[in-house]
PDB file of N, CA and C in Angstrom:
ATOM      1  N   MET A   1     -38.142  38.490 -27.585  1.00  0.00           N
ATOM      2  CA  MET A   1     -37.037  38.377 -28.057  1.00  0.00           C
ATOM      3  C   MET A   1     -36.965  38.746 -29.856  1.00  0.00           C
ATOM      4  N   ASP A   2     -36.662  39.627 -29.841  1.00  0.00           N
ATOM      5  CA  ASP A   2     -36.549  40.255 -31.450  1.00  0.00           C
ATOM      6  C   ASP A   2     -35.887  39.164 -32.317  1.00  0.00           C
ATOM      7  N   LYS A   3     -36.367  38.697 -33.339  1.00  0.00           N
ATOM      8  CA  LYS A   3     -36.000  37.731 -34.507  1.00  0.00           C
ATOM      9  C   LYS A   3     -34.415  38.102 -34.857  1.00  0.00           C
ATOM     10  N   ASN A   4     -34.331  38.961 -34.267  1.00  0.00           N
ATOM     11  CA  ASN A   4     -32.843  39.535 -34.973  1.00  0.00           C
ATOM     12  C   ASN A   4     -31.689  39.612 -34.100  1.00  0.00           C
ATOM     13  N   GLU A   5     -32.538  39.179 -32.673  1.00  0.00           N
ATOM     14  CA  GLU A   5     -31.392  39.407 -32.125  1.00  0.00           C
ATOM     15  C   GLU A   5     -31.375  38.031 -30.919  1.00  0.00           C
ATOM     16  N   CYS A   6     -29.901  37.815 -30.095  1.00  0.00           N
ATOM     17  CA  CYS A   6     -30.523  36.235 -29.515  1.00  0.00           C
ATOM     18  C   CYS A   6     -28.954  36.804 -28.549  1.00  0.00           C
ATOM     19  N   LYS A   7     -29.441  35.687 -27.529  1.00  0.00           N
ATOM     20  CA  LYS A   7     -28.264  36.143 -26.165  1.00  0.00           C
ATOM     21  C   LYS A   7     -27.001  35.272 -26.704  1.00  0.00           C
ATOM     22  N   ASN A   8     -25.914  35.520 -26.031  1.00  0.00           N
ATOM     23  CA  ASN A   8     -24.900  34.771 -26.376  1.00  0.00           C
ATOM     24  C   ASN A   8     -24.486  34.419 -24.842  1.00  0.00           C
ATOM     25  N   LEU A   9     -24.234  33.463 -24.569  1.00  0.00           N
ATOM     26  CA  LEU A   9     -23.516  32.216 -23.667  1.00  0.00           C
ATOM     27  C   LEU A   9     -23.434  32.990 -22.209  1.00  0.00           C
ATOM     28  N   ASN A  10     -23.293  34.444 -22.405  1.00  0.00           N
ATOM     29  CA  ASN A  10     -22.977  35.283 -21.223  1.00  0.00           C
ATOM     30  C   ASN A  10     -24.121  36.320 -20.879  1.00  0.00           C
ATOM     31  N   GLY A  11     -25.148  35.888 -21.492  1.00  0.00           N
ATOM     32  CA  GLY A  11     -26.203  36.503 -21.346  1.00  0.00           C
ATOM     33  C   GLY A  11     -26.337  38.240 -21.712  1.00  0.00           C
ATOM     34  N   THR A  12     -25.427  38.465 -22.654  1.00  0.00           N
ATOM     35  CA  THR A  12     -25.731  39.866 -23.466  1.00  0.00           C
ATOM     36  C   THR A  12     -26.117  39.409 -24.861  1.00  0.00           C
ATOM     37  N   CYS A  13     -27.010  40.123 -25.127  1.00  0.00           N
ATOM     38  CA  CYS A  13     -28.222  40.592 -26.212  1.00  0.00           C
ATOM     39  C   CYS A  13     -27.130  41.036 -27.286  1.00  0.00           C
ATOM     40  N   VAL A  14     -27.140  40.200 -28.332  1.00  0.00           N
ATOM     41  CA  VAL A  14     -26.224  40.506 -29.488  1.00  0.00           C
ATOM     42  C   VAL A  14     -26.919  40.715 -30.737  1.00  0.00           C
ATOM     43  N   SER A  15     -27.253  41.459 -32.062  1.00  0.00           N
ATOM     44  CA  SER A  15     -27.623  41.463 -32.785  1.00  0.00           C
ATOM     45  C   SER A  15     -27.058  40.576 -33.515  1.00  0.00           C
ATOM     46  N   LYS A  16     -27.812  39.784 -34.782  1.00  0.00           N
ATOM     47  CA  LYS A  16     -27.539  38.321 -35.375  1.00  0.00           C
ATOM     48  C   LYS A  16     -26.236  38.806 -36.386  1.00  0.00           C
ATOM     49  N   ASP A  17     -25.908  40.390 -37.007  1.00  0.00           N
ATOM     50  CA  ASP A  17     -24.835  40.835 -37.434  1.00  0.00           C
ATOM     51  C   ASP A  17     -23.442  41.125 -36.964  1.00  0.00           C
ATOM     52  N   SER A  18     -23.572  41.193 -35.262  1.00  0.00           N
ATOM     53  CA  SER A  18     -22.472  41.365 -34.783  1.00  0.00           C
ATOM     54  C   SER A  18     -21.750  40.133 -34.331  1.00  0.00           C
ATOM     55  N   LYS A  19     -20.764  40.195 -34.421  1.00  0.00           N
ATOM     56  CA  LYS A  19     -19.668  39.132 -33.758  1.00  0.00           C
ATOM     57  C   LYS A  19     -19.132  39.157 -32.622  1.00  0.00           C
ATOM     58  N   PHE A  20     -19.009  37.879 -32.029  1.00  0.00           N
ATOM     59  CA  PHE A  20     -18.499  37.895 -30.260  1.00  0.00           C
ATOM     60  C   PHE A  20     -17.850  36.402 -30.420  1.00  0.00           C
ATOM     61  N   SER A  21     -17.505  36.416 -28.990  1.00  0.00           N
ATOM     62  CA  SER A  21     -16.792  34.974 -28.324  1.00  0.00           C
ATOM     63  C   SER A  21     -17.646  34.424 -27.555  1.00  0.00           C
ATOM     64  N   VAL A  22     -17.644  33.217 -27.800  1.00  0.00           N
ATOM     65  CA  VAL A  22     -18.632  32.317 -26.793  1.00  0.00           C
ATOM     66  C   VAL A  22     -17.403  31.589 -26.299  1.00  0.00           C
ATOM     67  N   MET A  23     -17.807  30.981 -25.242  1.00  0.00           N
ATOM     68  CA  MET A  23     -17.188  30.064 -24.096  1.00  0.00           C
ATOM     69  C   MET A  23     -18.176  28.885 -24.371  1.00  0.00           C
ATOM     70  N   HIS A  24     -17.859  27.663 -24.945  1.00  0.00           N
ATOM     71  CA  HIS A  24     -18.638  26.585 -25.117  1.00  0.00           C
ATOM     72  C   HIS A  24     -17.708  25.241 -24.818  1.00  0.00           C
ATOM     73  N   GLU A  25     -18.170  24.387 -23.646  1.00  0.00           N
ATOM     74  CA  GLU A  25     -17.681  23.528 -23.252  1.00  0.00           C
ATOM     75  C   GLU A  25     -15.984  23.696 -22.624  1.00  0.00           C
ATOM     76  N   GLY A  26     -15.798  24.935 -21.896  1.00  0.00           N
ATOM     77  CA  GLY A  26     -14.420  24.838 -21.877  1.00  0.00           C
ATOM     78  C   GLY A  26     -13.511  25.621 -22.898  1.00  0.00           C
ATOM     79  N   LYS A  27     -14.299  25.679 -23.857  1.00  0.00           N
ATOM     80  CA  LYS A  27     -13.144  26.269 -25.489  1.00  0.00           C
ATOM     81  C   LYS A  27     -13.633  28.067 -25.889  1.00  0.00           C
ATOM     82  N   ARG A  28     -12.668  28.694 -26.110  1.00  0.00           N
ATOM     83  CA  ARG A  28     -13.333  29.945 -26.173  1.00  0.00           C
ATOM     84  C   ARG A  28     -13.507  29.780 -27.835  1.00  0.00           C
ATOM     85  N   HIS A  29     -14.403  30.311 -28.612  1.00  0.00           N
ATOM     86  CA  HIS A  29     -14.704  30.023 -29.937  1.00  0.00           C
ATOM     87  C   HIS A  29     -15.026  31.903 -30.324  1.00  0.00           C
ATOM     88  N   ASP A  30     -14.113  32.198 -31.422  1.00  0.00           N
ATOM     89  CA  ASP A  30     -14.430  33.134 -31.824  1.00  0.00           C
ATOM     90  C   ASP A  30     -15.032  33.705 -33.264  1.00  0.00           C
ATOM     91  N   ASN A  31     -15.480  35.119 -33.657  1.00  0.00           N
ATOM     92  CA  ASN A  31     -16.262  35.088 -34.848  1.00  0.00           C
ATOM     93  C   ASN A  31     -17.563  34.717 -34.658  1.00  0.00           C
ATOM     94  N   CYS A  32     -18.290  34.664 -33.710  1.00  0.00           N
ATOM     95  CA  CYS A  32     -19.644  33.841 -33.713  1.00  0.00           C
ATOM     96  C   CYS A  32     -20.634  34.813 -34.220  1.00  0.00           C
ATOM     97  N   SER A  33     -21.741  34.230 -34.691  1.00  0.00           N
ATOM     98  CA  SER A  33     -22.781  35.006 -34.813  1.00  0.00           C
ATOM     99  C   SER A  33     -24.226  34.146 -34.124  1.00  0.00           C
ATOM    100  N   CYS A  34     -25.407  34.610 -34.167  1.00  0.00           N
ATOM    101  CA  CYS A  34     -26.267  33.736 -33.389  1.00  0.00           C
ATOM    102  C   CYS A  34     -27.507  33.753 -34.208  1.00  0.00           C
ATOM    103  N   SER A  35     -28.460  32.797 -34.122  1.00  0.00           N
ATOM    104  CA  SER A  35     -29.785  32.733 -35.230  1.00  0.00           C
ATOM    105  C   SER A  35     -30.662  32.018 -34.214  1.00  0.00           C
ATOM    106  N   ILE A  36     -31.675  32.621 -34.091  1.00  0.00           N
ATOM    107  CA  ILE A  36     -32.837  32.034 -33.306  1.00  0.00           C
ATOM    108  C   ILE A  36     -33.383  30.634 -34.422  1.00  0.00           C
ATOM    109  N   GLN A  37     -33.451  29.687 -33.682  1.00  0.00           N
ATOM    110  CA  GLN A  37     -34.346  28.548 -34.265  1.00  0.00           C
ATOM    111  C   GLN A  37     -35.328  28.453 -33.721  1.00  0.00           C
ATOM    112  N   GLU A  38     -36.482  28.023 -34.392  1.00  0.00           N
ATOM    113  CA  GLU A  38     -37.793  27.496 -34.285  1.00  0.00           C
ATOM    114  C   GLU A  38     -38.293  25.808 -34.224  1.00  0.00           C
ATOM    115  N   ARG A  39     -38.524  25.309 -33.229  1.00  0.00           N
ATOM    116  CA  ARG A  39     -38.964  23.705 -33.724  1.00  0.00           C
ATOM    117  C   ARG A  39     -40.291  23.570 -33.277  1.00  0.00           C
ATOM    118  N   HIS A  40     -41.016  22.906 -33.729  1.00  0.00           N
ATOM    119  CA  HIS A  40     -42.624  22.365 -33.610  1.00  0.00           C
ATOM    120  C   HIS A  40     -42.211  20.927 -32.870  1.00  0.00           C
ATOM    121  N   TYR A  41     -42.733  20.306 -31.901  1.00  0.00           N
ATOM    122  CA  TYR A  41     -42.752  18.929 -32.178  1.00  0.00           C
ATOM    123  C   TYR A  41     -44.293  18.469 -31.223  1.00  0.00           C
ATOM    124  N   GLU A  42     -44.415  17.564 -31.280  1.00  0.00           N
ATOM    125  CA  GLU A  42     -45.808  17.132 -30.542  1.00  0.00           C
ATOM    126  C   GLU A  42     -45.231  16.104 -29.408  1.00  0.00           C
ATOM    127  N   SER A  43     -45.772  16.169 -28.205  1.00  0.00           N
ATOM    128  CA  SER A  43     -45.674  15.183 -27.218  1.00  0.00           C
ATOM    129  C   SER A  43     -46.774  14.177 -27.289  1.00  0.00           C
ATOM    130  N   PHE A  44     -46.685  13.307 -27.298  1.00  0.00           N
ATOM    131  CA  PHE A  44     -48.064  12.175 -27.306  1.00  0.00           C
ATOM    132  C   PHE A  44     -47.970  12.133 -26.298  1.00  0.00           C
ATOM    133  N   SER A  45     -47.373  11.907 -24.993  1.00  0.00           N
ATOM    134  CA  SER A  45     -48.208  12.002 -23.353  1.00  0.00           C
ATOM    135  C   SER A  45     -48.904  13.094 -23.232  1.00  0.00           C
ATOM    136  N   GLN A  46     -48.687  14.250 -23.334  1.00  0.00           N
ATOM    137  CA  GLN A  46     -49.694  15.459 -23.439  1.00  0.00           C
ATOM    138  C   GLN A  46     -50.901  15.763 -24.746  1.00  0.00           C
ATOM    139  N   LYS A  47     -50.358  15.128 -25.863  1.00  0.00           N
ATOM    140  CA  LYS A  47     -50.877  15.359 -26.940  1.00  0.00           C
ATOM    141  C   LYS A  47     -51.352  16.981 -27.151  1.00  0.00           C
ATOM    142  N   ALA A  48     -50.589  17.512 -27.155  1.00  0.00           N
ATOM    143  CA  ALA A  48     -50.066  18.738 -27.426  1.00  0.00           C
ATOM    144  C   ALA A  48     -48.777  19.108 -28.160  1.00  0.00           C
ATOM    145  N   ARG A  49     -48.832  20.417 -29.099  1.00  0.00           N
ATOM    146  CA  ARG A  49     -47.555  20.855 -29.779  1.00  0.00           C
ATOM    147  C   ARG A  49     -47.103  21.766 -28.961  1.00  0.00           C
ATOM    148  N   GLU A  50     -45.555  21.550 -29.132  1.00  0.00           N
ATOM    149  CA  GLU A  50     -44.962  22.500 -28.075  1.00  0.00           C
ATOM    150  C   GLU A  50     -43.968  23.373 -28.744  1.00  0.00           C
ATOM    151  N   LEU A  51     -43.722  24.492 -28.721  1.00  0.00           N
ATOM    152  CA  LEU A  51     -43.030  25.024 -29.687  1.00  0.00           C
ATOM    153  C   LEU A  51     -41.563  25.426 -28.883  1.00  0.00           C
ATOM    154  N   LEU A  52     -40.632  24.867 -29.310  1.00  0.00           N
ATOM    155  CA  LEU A  52     -39.099  25.020 -28.832  1.00  0.00           C
ATOM    156  C   LEU A  52     -38.228  26.133 -29.564  1.00  0.00           C
ATOM    157  N   PHE A  53     -37.593  26.776 -28.678  1.00  0.00           N
ATOM    158  CA  PHE A  53     -36.626  27.836 -29.352  1.00  0.00           C
ATOM    159  C   PHE A  53     -35.334  27.468 -28.917  1.00  0.00           C
ATOM    160  N   SER A  54     -34.338  27.312 -29.737  1.00  0.00           N
ATOM    161  CA  SER A  54     -32.888  27.008 -29.278  1.00  0.00           C
ATOM    162  C   SER A  54     -32.026  28.463 -30.241  1.00  0.00           C
ATOM    163  N   VAL A  55     -31.014  28.495 -29.622  1.00  0.00           N
ATOM    164  CA  VAL A  55     -30.091  29.479 -30.383  1.00  0.00           C
ATOM    165  C   VAL A  55     -29.085  28.898 -30.772  1.00  0.00           C
ATOM    166  N   GLN A  56     -28.792  28.769 -32.025  1.00  0.00           N
ATOM    167  CA  GLN A  56     -27.715  28.457 -32.979  1.00  0.00           C
ATOM    168  C   GLN A  56     -26.542  29.252 -32.940  1.00  0.00           C
ATOM    169  N   TYR A  57     -25.594  28.914 -32.785  1.00  0.00           N
ATOM    170  CA  TYR A  57     -24.185  29.897 -32.383  1.00  0.00           C
ATOM    171  C   TYR A  57     -23.579  29.093 -34.027  1.00  0.00           C
ATOM    172  N   SER A  58     -22.915  30.176 -34.518  1.00  0.00           N
ATOM    173  CA  SER A  58     -22.142  29.841 -36.081  1.00  0.00           C
ATOM    174  C   SER A  58     -20.738  30.550 -35.578  1.00  0.00           C
ATOM    175  N   CYS A  59     -19.677  29.459 -35.066  1.00  0.00           N
ATOM    176  CA  CYS A  59     -18.267  30.223 -35.125  1.00  0.00           C
ATOM    177  C   CYS A  59     -17.719  29.737 -35.989  1.00  0.00           C
ATOM    178  N   GLU A  60     -16.357  30.407 -36.205  1.00  0.00           N
ATOM    179  CA  GLU A  60     -15.268  30.043 -37.218  1.00  0.00           C
ATOM    180  C   GLU A  60     -15.146  28.766 -37.406  1.00  0.00           C
ATOM    181  N   ASN A  61     -15.167  27.605 -36.229  1.00  0.00           N
ATOM    182  CA  ASN A  61     -14.982  26.568 -36.502  1.00  0.00           C
ATOM    183  C   ASN A  61     -15.852  25.434 -35.780  1.00  0.00           C
ATOM    184  N   LYS A  62     -16.922  25.777 -35.782  1.00  0.00           N
ATOM    185  CA  LYS A  62     -17.841  25.024 -34.311  1.00  0.00           C
ATOM    186  C   LYS A  62     -19.342  25.706 -34.807  1.00  0.00           C
ATOM    187  N   THR A  63     -20.561  24.934 -35.090  1.00  0.00           N
ATOM    188  CA  THR A  63     -21.835  25.630 -34.794  1.00  0.00           C
ATOM    189  C   THR A  63     -22.127  24.745 -33.433  1.00  0.00           C
ATOM    190  N   PHE A  64     -23.036  25.448 -32.669  1.00  0.00           N
ATOM    191  CA  PHE A  64     -23.982  24.423 -31.865  1.00  0.00           C
ATOM    192  C   PHE A  64     -25.182  25.417 -31.578  1.00  0.00           C
ATOM    193  N   SER A  65     -25.945  24.703 -30.864  1.00  0.00           N
ATOM    194  CA  SER A  65     -27.206  25.064 -30.164  1.00  0.00           C
ATOM    195  C   SER A  65     -27.575  25.054 -28.723  1.00  0.00           C
ATOM    196  N   ASN A  66     -27.983  25.691 -28.584  1.00  0.00           N
ATOM    197  CA  ASN A  66     -28.592  25.966 -26.695  1.00  0.00           C
ATOM    198  C   ASN A  66     -30.135  26.304 -27.055  1.00  0.00           C
ATOM    199  N   ARG A  67     -30.887  25.433 -25.805  1.00  0.00           N
ATOM    200  CA  ARG A  67     -32.285  25.964 -25.578  1.00  0.00           C
ATOM    201  C   ARG A  67     -32.459  26.712 -24.988  1.00  0.00           C
ATOM    202  N   LEU A  68     -33.585  27.614 -25.456  1.00  0.00           N
ATOM    203  CA  LEU A  68     -33.791  28.733 -24.601  1.00  0.00           C
ATOM    204  C   LEU A  68     -34.917  28.341 -23.473  1.00  0.00           C
TER     205      LEU A  68
END
């Protein structure tokens, strides 16, 4: 997946510059854009570093993330 691209919640690929609507917890949010967030965290049980990607959606009145 390109850094400039992420999927909206309907599974459609969108560029981070395009605006789209997202349904989240039963509510519709307009003018959303998205970006990919990378987070490193270490798991003590596995003694392994894991890299988690999540998509952050920024909408008119709400920001939320989805794990990939």
